[in-house]
């Protein structure tokens, strides 16, 4: 019979690193095939104006193209209006995301009206003029306990209501 183990030291080393190898194998198998896809932001509206600040609300729509469920952990997106950064969406959440499904994340951003000009803001919001909005940042998800960061870079012409 062939002796597969040269010594007890070899057995010790093998047994010591077996759990690490097993963990690496599991991690490589559970990562998602594709990152969730950012589709758009809908239902954008100015929900509150107080003093120099306005609250912009909307729903970010994503699609999970994987056969695995995930959990949304954090949203960190800069909001640009007419080429000027007006605010940051920075929300922590613990939202369950189904496999092969769309999911919506409610997002809020507070911005200073002076950043885009008070007169222009009032006229555009009240007049319903289309304005260019860009969302750039990322969302953080977990798949089987593993963190995944999904980039967001979306631009659209919107009509504030």
Protein backbone atom coordinates (compact mmCIF):
# COMPACT_ATOMS: atom_id res chain seq x y z
CA UNK A 1 0.00 0.00 0.00
CA UNK A 2 1.26 3.46 -0.90
CA UNK A 3 1.74 5.83 2.00
CA UNK A 4 -0.14 9.02 1.06
CA UNK A 5 0.96 10.88 4.14
CA UNK A 6 4.65 11.50 4.56
CA UNK A 7 4.41 12.50 8.17
CA UNK A 8 2.08 13.69 10.83
CA UNK A 9 3.27 17.24 10.01
CA UNK A 10 1.85 16.88 6.50
CA UNK A 11 -1.44 15.73 7.97
CA UNK A 12 -1.47 18.67 10.35
CA UNK A 13 -0.84 21.18 7.56
CA UNK A 14 -3.50 19.60 5.38
CA UNK A 15 -6.10 19.63 8.16
CA UNK A 16 -5.20 23.20 9.13
CA UNK A 17 -5.77 24.59 5.64
CA UNK A 18 -8.70 22.38 4.60
CA UNK A 19 -11.34 24.75 6.09
CA UNK A 20 -9.72 27.72 4.31
CA UNK A 21 -9.77 25.90 0.97
CA UNK A 22 -13.37 24.85 1.55
CA UNK A 23 -14.34 28.46 2.36
CA UNK A 24 -12.64 29.76 -0.79
CA UNK A 25 -14.52 27.18 -2.85
CA UNK A 26 -17.86 28.22 -1.32
CA UNK A 27 -17.21 31.94 -1.81
CA UNK A 28 -16.28 31.46 -5.46
CA UNK A 29 -19.52 29.56 -6.04
CA UNK A 30 -21.93 31.99 -4.38
CA UNK A 31 -20.91 35.26 -6.00
CA UNK A 32 -23.61 36.53 -8.37
CA UNK A 33 -23.13 36.07 -12.08
CA UNK A 34 -24.01 39.69 -12.83
CA UNK A 35 -24.41 42.85 -10.79
CA UNK A 36 -27.94 44.24 -10.45
CA UNK A 37 -28.79 46.74 -13.18
CA UNK A 38 -29.85 50.31 -12.42
CA UNK A 39 -32.75 51.07 -14.76
CA UNK A 40 -34.10 54.53 -13.92
CA UNK A 41 -35.46 56.91 -11.32
CA UNK A 42 -39.19 57.49 -11.56
CA UNK A 43 -41.85 59.57 -9.82
CA UNK A 44 -39.41 62.39 -9.16
CA UNK A 45 -41.05 65.27 -7.34
CA UNK A 46 -40.31 68.13 -5.03
CA UNK A 47 -42.15 67.09 -1.89
CA UNK A 48 -41.26 69.91 0.48
CA UNK A 49 -39.78 73.39 0.27
CA UNK A 50 -38.75 75.12 3.48
CA UNK A 51 -36.58 78.21 3.58
CA UNK A 52 -33.65 77.65 1.24
CA UNK A 53 -34.00 73.88 1.03
CA UNK A 54 -36.15 71.57 -1.03
CA UNK A 55 -36.69 67.82 -0.68
CA UNK A 56 -36.55 65.83 -3.89
CA UNK A 57 -38.15 62.35 -3.73
CA UNK A 58 -38.30 59.52 -6.19
CA UNK A 59 -38.06 55.77 -6.72
CA UNK A 60 -34.89 54.13 -8.05
CA UNK A 61 -35.70 51.04 -10.14
CA UNK A 62 -33.20 48.16 -10.38
CA UNK A 63 -33.26 44.64 -11.83
CA UNK A 64 -31.61 41.60 -10.21
CA UNK A 65 -30.56 39.31 -13.13
CA UNK A 66 -29.33 36.53 -10.82
CA UNK A 67 -30.96 33.34 -9.58
CA UNK A 68 -29.99 34.32 -6.03
CA UNK A 69 -31.76 36.64 -3.62
CA UNK A 70 -29.90 39.62 -2.20
CA UNK A 71 -30.26 42.26 0.48
CA UNK A 72 -29.89 45.97 -0.18
CA UNK A 73 -27.72 47.58 2.52
CA UNK A 74 -26.89 51.14 1.50
CA UNK A 75 -27.54 53.77 -1.17
CA UNK A 76 -24.89 56.46 -1.76
CA UNK A 77 -25.68 58.55 -4.86
CA UNK A 78 -24.79 62.14 -5.78
CA UNK A 79 -27.62 64.12 -7.41
CA UNK A 80 -26.76 66.65 -10.11
CA UNK A 81 -29.32 69.10 -11.50
CA UNK A 82 -28.48 71.07 -14.64
CA UNK A 83 -24.80 70.17 -14.22
CA UNK A 84 -24.52 71.28 -10.57
CA UNK A 85 -24.25 68.92 -7.64
CA UNK A 86 -27.25 69.68 -5.48
CA UNK A 87 -27.34 66.85 -2.99
CA UNK A 88 -26.50 63.35 -1.91
CA UNK A 89 -28.77 60.36 -1.42
CA UNK A 90 -27.23 58.57 1.52
CA UNK A 91 -29.58 55.99 2.96
CA UNK A 92 -29.09 52.80 4.89
CA UNK A 93 -31.67 50.12 4.29
CA UNK A 94 -32.19 46.41 4.77
CA UNK A 95 -34.43 45.55 1.85
CA UNK A 96 -34.84 42.00 0.53
CA UNK A 97 -34.41 41.62 -3.22
CA UNK A 98 -35.94 38.67 -5.06
CA UNK A 99 -34.13 36.60 -7.66
CA UNK A 100 -34.72 37.55 -11.30
CA UNK A 101 -36.89 40.50 -10.35
CA UNK A 102 -37.25 44.25 -10.42
CA UNK A 103 -36.94 46.11 -7.15
CA UNK A 104 -37.63 49.70 -6.17
CA UNK A 105 -35.72 51.78 -3.67
CA UNK A 106 -37.34 55.00 -2.41
CA UNK A 107 -34.77 57.80 -2.49
CA UNK A 108 -34.74 61.30 -0.96
CA UNK A 109 -32.32 64.14 -1.56
CA UNK A 110 -32.32 67.52 0.15
CA UNK A 111 -30.80 70.35 -1.85
CA UNK A 112 -30.18 74.04 -1.44
CA UNK A 113 -32.35 76.03 -3.85
CA UNK A 114 -29.63 78.68 -4.09
CA UNK A 115 -27.33 76.12 -5.70
CA UNK A 116 -29.37 76.25 -8.90
CA UNK A 117 -30.61 79.81 -8.54
CA UNK A 118 -33.79 80.75 -6.70
CA UNK A 119 -35.53 82.45 -9.62
CA UNK A 120 -34.63 79.69 -12.07
CA UNK A 121 -35.74 77.05 -9.56
CA UNK A 122 -39.13 78.62 -8.91
CA UNK A 123 -39.83 79.21 -12.60
CA UNK A 124 -38.73 75.72 -13.60
CA UNK A 125 -40.60 73.92 -10.83
CA UNK A 126 -43.81 75.92 -11.20
CA UNK A 127 -43.61 76.06 -14.98
CA UNK A 128 -42.98 72.34 -15.31
CA UNK A 129 -39.89 72.88 -17.48
CA UNK A 130 -37.76 69.83 -18.13
CA UNK A 131 -34.45 69.77 -16.29
CA UNK A 132 -31.46 67.44 -16.68
CA UNK A 133 -30.85 65.27 -13.60
CA UNK A 134 -27.91 62.93 -13.14
CA UNK A 135 -27.50 60.28 -10.44
CA UNK A 136 -23.95 59.02 -9.87
CA UNK A 137 -22.72 56.79 -7.07
CA UNK A 138 -23.31 53.23 -5.90
CA UNK A 139 -25.52 50.89 -3.94
CA UNK A 140 -24.25 48.19 -1.61
CA UNK A 141 -25.84 44.74 -1.57
CA UNK A 142 -25.08 41.42 0.02
CA UNK A 143 -25.41 38.02 -1.69
CA UNK A 144 -25.17 35.11 0.74
CA UNK A 145 -23.51 37.47 3.20
CA UNK A 146 -20.91 38.72 0.70
CA UNK A 147 -20.81 42.48 -0.01
CA UNK A 148 -21.29 43.68 -3.58
CA UNK A 149 -21.03 47.30 -4.77
CA UNK A 150 -23.13 48.27 -7.81
CA UNK A 151 -22.22 51.48 -9.66
CA UNK A 152 -24.99 53.91 -10.62
CA UNK A 153 -24.62 56.49 -13.39
CA UNK A 154 -27.94 57.61 -14.83
CA UNK A 155 -29.02 60.81 -16.56
CA UNK A 156 -32.50 61.88 -17.57
CA UNK A 157 -34.59 64.89 -18.46
CA UNK A 158 -37.27 65.26 -15.82
CA UNK A 159 -40.21 67.53 -15.20
CA UNK A 160 -40.49 68.37 -11.54
CA UNK A 161 -43.99 68.45 -10.08
